[in-house]
Amino acid sequence: MNKVFHFLIVTLILSSCINMNDPKDQARYISNLKLFNHNLINHFPKKLPNGYFERSMSSPNLIGEYGHFAGTHIKVKYISKSEFTGLKLKYSRQAKYRCKSSDSCLVVIKSHGDLLDSKYDLKLCDELVPIAQYAIDNVDSFDDQWKRQEDQDILILDWSLEDILDRDNLISKDEVPLGWEHGFSKGITLNEKNQTINYWLIIW
């Protein structure tokens, strides 16, 4: 019995060290990240993690011509509590803005569907901070309405309100404050209960 138990432990350790993702999927993930400036995606996992369960990508090469934003995100579930806690501590030290997902000073940059609970409150804020829609909202697939997630920790690592792509055909956002027509924001969203981290970037 002890030998069987020992074998199971060794198997679990090895499976956590060996990347189990399809090589083509792995290559596609790495290739997609290379479409963005390194400084914008240096907080993302360098390789597709075993625990990922959701990801998306909108190419910066197509913004303006086929879309009004560019960006990417990946959600990863961590089995190890110590690994999750270590990453939270690491990015907390790097964050320029820390808050809960209920923070009324977050300006949600729309990417899809209809936003719910997205209004910021200028009266309560010393400053407003941009965040990607897919960093803070979940979608109801039946009516394409996005609703604010509760009890999430938001760590915004960097943002800027400038046109970093310098494209003539960029479409200005009209649901943002004056002077916010273009910019970028990057960070992570943490779910302590489920031990998940959403790594995200948006450019608009």
C-alpha atoms as a PDB file:
ATOM      1  CA  MET A   1       0.000   0.000   0.000  1.00  0.00           C
ATOM      2  CA  ASN A   2       2.834   2.379   0.890  1.00  0.00           C
ATOM      3  CA  LYS A   3       4.542   1.662  -2.433  1.00  0.00           C
ATOM      4  CA  VAL A   4       1.345   2.461  -4.352  1.00  0.00           C
ATOM      5  CA  PHE A   5       0.877   5.687  -2.395  1.00  0.00           C
ATOM      6  CA  HIS A   6       4.507   6.669  -3.021  1.00  0.00           C
ATOM      7  CA  PHE A   7       4.063   5.974  -6.754  1.00  0.00           C
ATOM      8  CA  LEU A   8       0.994   8.238  -6.891  1.00  0.00           C
ATOM      9  CA  ILE A   9       2.860  11.081  -5.199  1.00  0.00           C
ATOM     10  CA  VAL A  10       5.791  10.773  -7.610  1.00  0.00           C
ATOM     11  CA  THR A  11       3.382  10.691 -10.576  1.00  0.00           C
ATOM     12  CA  LEU A  12       1.632  13.861  -9.404  1.00  0.00           C
ATOM     13  CA  ILE A  13       4.937  15.661  -8.923  1.00  0.00           C
ATOM     14  CA  LEU A  14       6.168  14.672 -12.366  1.00  0.00           C
ATOM     15  CA  SER A  15       2.898  15.651 -14.061  1.00  0.00           C
ATOM     16  CA  SER A  16       3.102  19.097 -12.447  1.00  0.00           C
ATOM     17  CA  CYS A  17       6.646  19.563 -13.796  1.00  0.00           C
ATOM     18  CA  ILE A  18       5.984  18.265 -17.332  1.00  0.00           C
ATOM     19  CA  ASN A  19       3.913  20.461 -19.617  1.00  0.00           C
ATOM     20  CA  MET A  20       0.931  18.387 -20.742  1.00  0.00           C
ATOM     21  CA  ASN A  21      -0.409  20.785 -23.396  1.00  0.00           C
ATOM     22  CA  ASP A  22      -0.537  19.990 -27.092  1.00  0.00           C
ATOM     23  CA  PRO A  23       2.717  21.210 -28.755  1.00  0.00           C
ATOM     24  CA  LYS A  24       0.755  23.031 -31.485  1.00  0.00           C
ATOM     25  CA  ASP A  25      -1.342  24.781 -28.863  1.00  0.00           C
ATOM     26  CA  GLN A  26       1.811  25.660 -26.967  1.00  0.00           C
ATOM     27  CA  ALA A  27       3.446  27.103 -30.084  1.00  0.00           C
ATOM     28  CA  ARG A  28       0.315  29.119 -30.903  1.00  0.00           C
ATOM     29  CA  TYR A  29       0.265  30.620 -27.402  1.00  0.00           C
ATOM     30  CA  ILE A  30       3.932  31.675 -27.589  1.00  0.00           C
ATOM     31  CA  SER A  31       3.444  33.045 -31.107  1.00  0.00           C
ATOM     32  CA  ASN A  32       0.430  35.107 -29.992  1.00  0.00           C
ATOM     33  CA  LEU A  33       2.367  36.677 -27.126  1.00  0.00           C
ATOM     34  CA  LYS A  34       5.117  37.731 -29.534  1.00  0.00           C
ATOM     35  CA  LEU A  35       2.602  39.939 -31.357  1.00  0.00           C
ATOM     36  CA  PHE A  36       2.753  42.345 -28.406  1.00  0.00           C
ATOM     37  CA  ASN A  37       5.586  44.463 -27.077  1.00  0.00           C
ATOM     38  CA  HIS A  38       7.424  42.467 -24.420  1.00  0.00           C
ATOM     39  CA  ASN A  39       6.861  45.116 -21.757  1.00  0.00           C
ATOM     40  CA  LEU A  40       3.110  44.702 -22.162  1.00  0.00           C
ATOM     41  CA  ILE A  41       3.011  40.926 -21.659  1.00  0.00           C
ATOM     42  CA  ASN A  42       6.014  40.230 -19.409  1.00  0.00           C
ATOM     43  CA  HIS A  43       3.660  39.271 -16.551  1.00  0.00           C
ATOM     44  CA  PHE A  44       2.133  36.413 -18.559  1.00  0.00           C
ATOM     45  CA  PRO A  45       3.351  32.815 -18.163  1.00  0.00           C
ATOM     46  CA  LYS A  46       6.107  32.252 -20.732  1.00  0.00           C
ATOM     47  CA  LYS A  47       4.620  28.885 -21.649  1.00  0.00           C
ATOM     48  CA  LEU A  48       1.039  27.663 -21.682  1.00  0.00           C
ATOM     49  CA  PRO A  49       0.460  26.375 -18.120  1.00  0.00           C
ATOM     50  CA  ASN A  50      -1.045  22.968 -17.405  1.00  0.00           C
ATOM     51  CA  GLY A  51      -3.772  24.560 -15.308  1.00  0.00           C
ATOM     52  CA  TYR A  52      -5.115  27.003 -17.887  1.00  0.00           C
ATOM     53  CA  PHE A  53      -8.826  26.744 -18.670  1.00  0.00           C
ATOM     54  CA  GLU A  54      -9.642  29.891 -20.670  1.00  0.00           C
ATOM     55  CA  ARG A  55      -7.803  32.233 -22.975  1.00  0.00           C
ATOM     56  CA  SER A  56      -8.405  34.727 -25.786  1.00  0.00           C
ATOM     57  CA  MET A  57      -6.414  36.939 -28.108  1.00  0.00           C
ATOM     58  CA  SER A  58      -7.193  39.937 -30.326  1.00  0.00           C
ATOM     59  CA  SER A  59      -4.228  40.839 -32.523  1.00  0.00           C
ATOM     60  CA  PRO A  60      -2.748  44.366 -32.447  1.00  0.00           C
ATOM     61  CA  ASN A  61      -2.195  43.962 -36.192  1.00  0.00           C
ATOM     62  CA  LEU A  62      -5.964  44.002 -36.763  1.00  0.00           C
ATOM     63  CA  ILE A  63      -7.022  46.818 -34.436  1.00  0.00           C
ATOM     64  CA  GLY A  64      -8.610  49.683 -36.324  1.00  0.00           C
ATOM     65  CA  GLU A  65      -9.270  47.656 -39.462  1.00  0.00           C
ATOM     66  CA  TYR A  66     -11.297  44.827 -37.913  1.00  0.00           C
ATOM     67  CA  GLY A  67     -11.754  45.813 -34.279  1.00  0.00           C
ATOM     68  CA  HIS A  68     -11.664  48.556 -31.682  1.00  0.00           C
ATOM     69  CA  PHE A  69      -9.265  46.921 -29.220  1.00  0.00           C
ATOM     70  CA  ALA A  70      -6.341  44.532 -29.005  1.00  0.00           C
ATOM     71  CA  GLY A  71      -5.394  42.345 -26.106  1.00  0.00           C
ATOM     72  CA  THR A  72      -5.126  38.923 -24.597  1.00  0.00           C
ATOM     73  CA  HIS A  73      -5.905  37.042 -21.413  1.00  0.00           C
ATOM     74  CA  ILE A  74      -5.411  33.612 -19.904  1.00  0.00           C
ATOM     75  CA  LYS A  75      -6.984  32.116 -16.773  1.00  0.00           C
ATOM     76  CA  VAL A  76      -4.968  29.570 -14.825  1.00  0.00           C
ATOM     77  CA  LYS A  77      -5.978  27.413 -11.862  1.00  0.00           C
ATOM     78  CA  TYR A  78      -3.152  26.628  -9.444  1.00  0.00           C
ATOM     79  CA  ILE A  79      -3.261  23.380  -7.478  1.00  0.00           C
ATOM     80  CA  SER A  80      -0.466  24.430  -5.151  1.00  0.00           C
ATOM     81  CA  LYS A  81      -1.509  26.950  -2.497  1.00  0.00           C
ATOM     82  CA  SER A  82       2.098  28.018  -1.990  1.00  0.00           C
ATOM     83  CA  GLU A  83       2.572  28.700  -5.715  1.00  0.00           C
ATOM     84  CA  PHE A  84      -0.620  30.759  -5.859  1.00  0.00           C
ATOM     85  CA  THR A  85       0.348  32.718  -2.734  1.00  0.00           C
ATOM     86  CA  GLY A  86       3.868  33.285  -4.053  1.00  0.00           C
ATOM     87  CA  LEU A  87       2.572  34.713  -7.340  1.00  0.00           C
ATOM     88  CA  LYS A  88       0.094  36.929  -5.501  1.00  0.00           C
ATOM     89  CA  LEU A  89       2.894  38.332  -3.344  1.00  0.00           C
ATOM     90  CA  LYS A  90       5.181  38.832  -6.352  1.00  0.00           C
ATOM     91  CA  TYR A  91       2.647  40.822  -8.372  1.00  0.00           C
ATOM     92  CA  SER A  92       1.336  42.713  -5.337  1.00  0.00           C
ATOM     93  CA  ARG A  93       4.807  44.211  -4.973  1.00  0.00           C
ATOM     94  CA  GLN A  94       4.789  45.262  -8.637  1.00  0.00           C
ATOM     95  CA  ALA A  95       1.242  46.652  -8.728  1.00  0.00           C
ATOM     96  CA  LYS A  96       0.576  50.354  -9.245  1.00  0.00           C
ATOM     97  CA  TYR A  97      -3.036  49.957  -8.129  1.00  0.00           C
ATOM     98  CA  ARG A  98      -4.626  47.343  -5.864  1.00  0.00           C
ATOM     99  CA  CYS A  99      -8.338  46.950  -5.257  1.00  0.00           C
ATOM    100  CA  LYS A 100     -11.336  44.654  -5.133  1.00  0.00           C
ATOM    101  CA  SER A 101     -13.441  44.006  -8.225  1.00  0.00           C
ATOM    102  CA  SER A 102     -16.241  46.072  -6.657  1.00  0.00           C
ATOM    103  CA  ASP A 103     -14.059  49.216  -6.730  1.00  0.00           C
ATOM    104  CA  SER A 104     -16.024  52.130  -8.199  1.00  0.00           C
ATOM    105  CA  CYS A 105     -12.867  53.843  -9.487  1.00  0.00           C
ATOM    106  CA  LEU A 106     -12.306  51.251 -12.221  1.00  0.00           C
ATOM    107  CA  VAL A 107     -13.184  52.269 -15.770  1.00  0.00           C
ATOM    108  CA  VAL A 108     -14.067  49.085 -17.656  1.00  0.00           C
ATOM    109  CA  ILE A 109     -12.770  49.161 -21.242  1.00  0.00           C
ATOM    110  CA  LYS A 110     -15.453  47.458 -23.297  1.00  0.00           C
ATOM    111  CA  SER A 111     -14.539  44.691 -25.719  1.00  0.00           C
ATOM    112  CA  HIS A 112     -17.686  42.588 -26.231  1.00  0.00           C
ATOM    113  CA  GLY A 113     -21.456  42.536 -25.668  1.00  0.00           C
ATOM    114  CA  ASP A 114     -23.306  44.626 -23.113  1.00  0.00           C
ATOM    115  CA  LEU A 115     -21.721  45.751 -19.859  1.00  0.00           C
ATOM    116  CA  LEU A 116     -23.582  45.652 -16.556  1.00  0.00           C
ATOM    117  CA  ASP A 117     -22.433  47.428 -13.372  1.00  0.00           C
ATOM    118  CA  SER A 118     -19.707  49.253 -15.293  1.00  0.00           C
ATOM    119  CA  LYS A 119     -20.250  52.864 -14.155  1.00  0.00           C
ATOM    120  CA  TYR A 120     -17.409  54.507 -12.274  1.00  0.00           C
ATOM    121  CA  ASP A 121     -18.053  57.154  -9.596  1.00  0.00           C
ATOM    122  CA  LEU A 122     -15.973  60.311  -9.940  1.00  0.00           C
ATOM    123  CA  LYS A 123     -17.178  61.660  -6.578  1.00  0.00           C
ATOM    124  CA  LEU A 124     -15.578  58.773  -4.688  1.00  0.00           C
ATOM    125  CA  CYS A 125     -12.264  58.630  -6.566  1.00  0.00           C
ATOM    126  CA  ASP A 126      -9.016  60.530  -6.399  1.00  0.00           C
ATOM    127  CA  GLU A 127      -8.114  58.874  -9.684  1.00  0.00           C
ATOM    128  CA  LEU A 128      -9.732  56.571 -12.222  1.00  0.00           C
ATOM    129  CA  VAL A 129      -7.963  53.444 -13.444  1.00  0.00           C
ATOM    130  CA  PRO A 130      -8.654  51.498 -16.673  1.00  0.00           C
ATOM    131  CA  ILE A 131      -9.263  47.746 -16.645  1.00  0.00           C
ATOM    132  CA  ALA A 132     -10.112  45.208 -19.339  1.00  0.00           C
ATOM    133  CA  GLN A 133     -13.682  43.975 -19.508  1.00  0.00           C
ATOM    134  CA  TYR A 134     -12.500  40.361 -19.524  1.00  0.00           C
ATOM    135  CA  ALA A 135     -10.420  41.040 -16.407  1.00  0.00           C
ATOM    136  CA  ILE A 136     -13.382  41.870 -14.202  1.00  0.00           C
ATOM    137  CA  ASP A 137     -16.614  40.678 -15.879  1.00  0.00           C
ATOM    138  CA  ASN A 138     -18.124  37.310 -16.723  1.00  0.00           C
ATOM    139  CA  VAL A 139     -20.436  36.784 -19.678  1.00  0.00           C
ATOM    140  CA  ASP A 140     -23.878  35.223 -19.761  1.00  0.00           C
ATOM    141  CA  SER A 141     -23.650  33.271 -23.006  1.00  0.00           C
ATOM    142  CA  PHE A 142     -27.412  33.378 -23.520  1.00  0.00           C
ATOM    143  CA  ASP A 143     -27.764  37.161 -23.884  1.00  0.00           C
ATOM    144  CA  ASP A 144     -24.111  38.315 -24.178  1.00  0.00           C
ATOM    145  CA  GLN A 145     -24.400  40.467 -21.065  1.00  0.00           C
ATOM    146  CA  TRP A 146     -21.265  40.885 -18.965  1.00  0.00           C
ATOM    147  CA  LYS A 147     -21.641  41.179 -15.200  1.00  0.00           C
ATOM    148  CA  ARG A 148     -19.082  42.285 -12.618  1.00  0.00           C
ATOM    149  CA  GLN A 149     -17.451  39.410 -10.712  1.00  0.00           C
ATOM    150  CA  GLU A 150     -17.524  39.595  -6.936  1.00  0.00           C
ATOM    151  CA  ASP A 151     -14.745  39.122  -4.395  1.00  0.00           C
ATOM    152  CA  GLN A 152     -11.888  39.276  -6.890  1.00  0.00           C
ATOM    153  CA  ASP A 153      -8.526  40.901  -6.125  1.00  0.00           C
ATOM    154  CA  ILE A 154      -7.346  43.260  -8.852  1.00  0.00           C
ATOM    155  CA  LEU A 155      -3.662  44.094  -9.318  1.00  0.00           C
ATOM    156  CA  ILE A 156      -3.094  46.622 -12.078  1.00  0.00           C
ATOM    157  CA  LEU A 157       0.583  46.546 -12.973  1.00  0.00           C
ATOM    158  CA  ASP A 158       0.678  49.414 -15.452  1.00  0.00           C
ATOM    159  CA  TRP A 159      -1.513  51.647 -17.593  1.00  0.00           C
ATOM    160  CA  SER A 160      -1.241  54.695 -19.806  1.00  0.00           C
ATOM    161  CA  LEU A 161      -3.719  56.971 -21.576  1.00  0.00           C
ATOM    162  CA  GLU A 162      -1.892  57.368 -24.863  1.00  0.00           C
ATOM    163  CA  ASP A 163      -1.973  55.864 -28.331  1.00  0.00           C
ATOM    164  CA  ILE A 164       0.897  53.388 -28.070  1.00  0.00           C
ATOM    165  CA  LEU A 165       0.152  51.860 -31.487  1.00  0.00           C
ATOM    166  CA  ASP A 166       0.237  55.177 -33.417  1.00  0.00           C
ATOM    167  CA  ARG A 167      -2.288  54.050 -36.037  1.00  0.00           C
ATOM    168  CA  ASP A 168      -4.238  56.471 -38.220  1.00  0.00           C
ATOM    169  CA  ASN A 169      -7.276  54.181 -38.358  1.00  0.00           C
ATOM    170  CA  LEU A 170      -7.760  53.621 -34.613  1.00  0.00           C
ATOM    171  CA  ILE A 171     -11.370  53.939 -33.458  1.00  0.00           C
ATOM    172  CA  SER A 172     -11.774  56.187 -30.412  1.00  0.00           C
ATOM    173  CA  LYS A 173     -13.702  54.811 -27.445  1.00  0.00           C
ATOM    174  CA  ASP A 174     -16.834  56.795 -26.640  1.00  0.00           C
ATOM    175  CA  GLU A 175     -17.836  55.131 -23.322  1.00  0.00           C
ATOM    176  CA  VAL A 176     -14.755  56.386 -21.468  1.00  0.00           C
ATOM    177  CA  PRO A 177     -13.978  59.729 -19.780  1.00  0.00           C
ATOM    178  CA  LEU A 178     -12.769  62.632 -21.896  1.00  0.00           C
ATOM    179  CA  GLY A 179      -9.107  62.170 -22.773  1.00  0.00           C
ATOM    180  CA  TRP A 180      -9.320  58.386 -22.408  1.00  0.00           C
ATOM    181  CA  GLU A 181      -9.969  57.651 -26.097  1.00  0.00           C
ATOM    182  CA  HIS A 182      -6.824  55.508 -26.362  1.00  0.00           C
ATOM    183  CA  GLY A 183      -4.491  53.716 -23.986  1.00  0.00           C
ATOM    184  CA  PHE A 184      -3.492  50.392 -22.470  1.00  0.00           C
ATOM    185  CA  SER A 185      -3.833  48.557 -19.176  1.00  0.00           C
ATOM    186  CA  LYS A 186      -2.298  45.331 -17.922  1.00  0.00           C
ATOM    187  CA  GLY A 187      -2.552  43.298 -14.745  1.00  0.00           C
ATOM    188  CA  ILE A 188      -3.907  40.211 -13.049  1.00  0.00           C
ATOM    189  CA  THR A 189      -7.171  39.260 -11.372  1.00  0.00           C
ATOM    190  CA  LEU A 190      -7.051  36.766  -8.507  1.00  0.00           C
ATOM    191  CA  ASN A 191      -9.747  34.503  -7.123  1.00  0.00           C
ATOM    192  CA  GLU A 192      -8.543  33.433  -3.685  1.00  0.00           C
ATOM    193  CA  LYS A 193     -11.283  30.856  -3.175  1.00  0.00           C
ATOM    194  CA  ASN A 194     -10.646  28.973  -6.420  1.00  0.00           C
ATOM    195  CA  GLN A 195      -6.908  29.728  -6.578  1.00  0.00           C
ATOM    196  CA  THR A 196      -7.166  31.104 -10.094  1.00  0.00           C
ATOM    197  CA  ILE A 197      -5.246  33.935 -11.730  1.00  0.00           C
ATOM    198  CA  ASN A 198      -6.388  35.808 -14.820  1.00  0.00           C
ATOM    199  CA  TYR A 199      -3.442  37.424 -16.627  1.00  0.00           C
ATOM    200  CA  TRP A 200      -4.665  40.176 -18.954  1.00  0.00           C
ATOM    201  CA  LEU A 201      -3.761  43.043 -21.273  1.00  0.00           C
ATOM    202  CA  ILE A 202      -5.936  45.464 -23.237  1.00  0.00           C
ATOM    203  CA  ILE A 203      -4.996  48.147 -25.777  1.00  0.00           C
ATOM    204  CA  TRP A 204      -7.591  50.530 -27.172  1.00  0.00           C
END
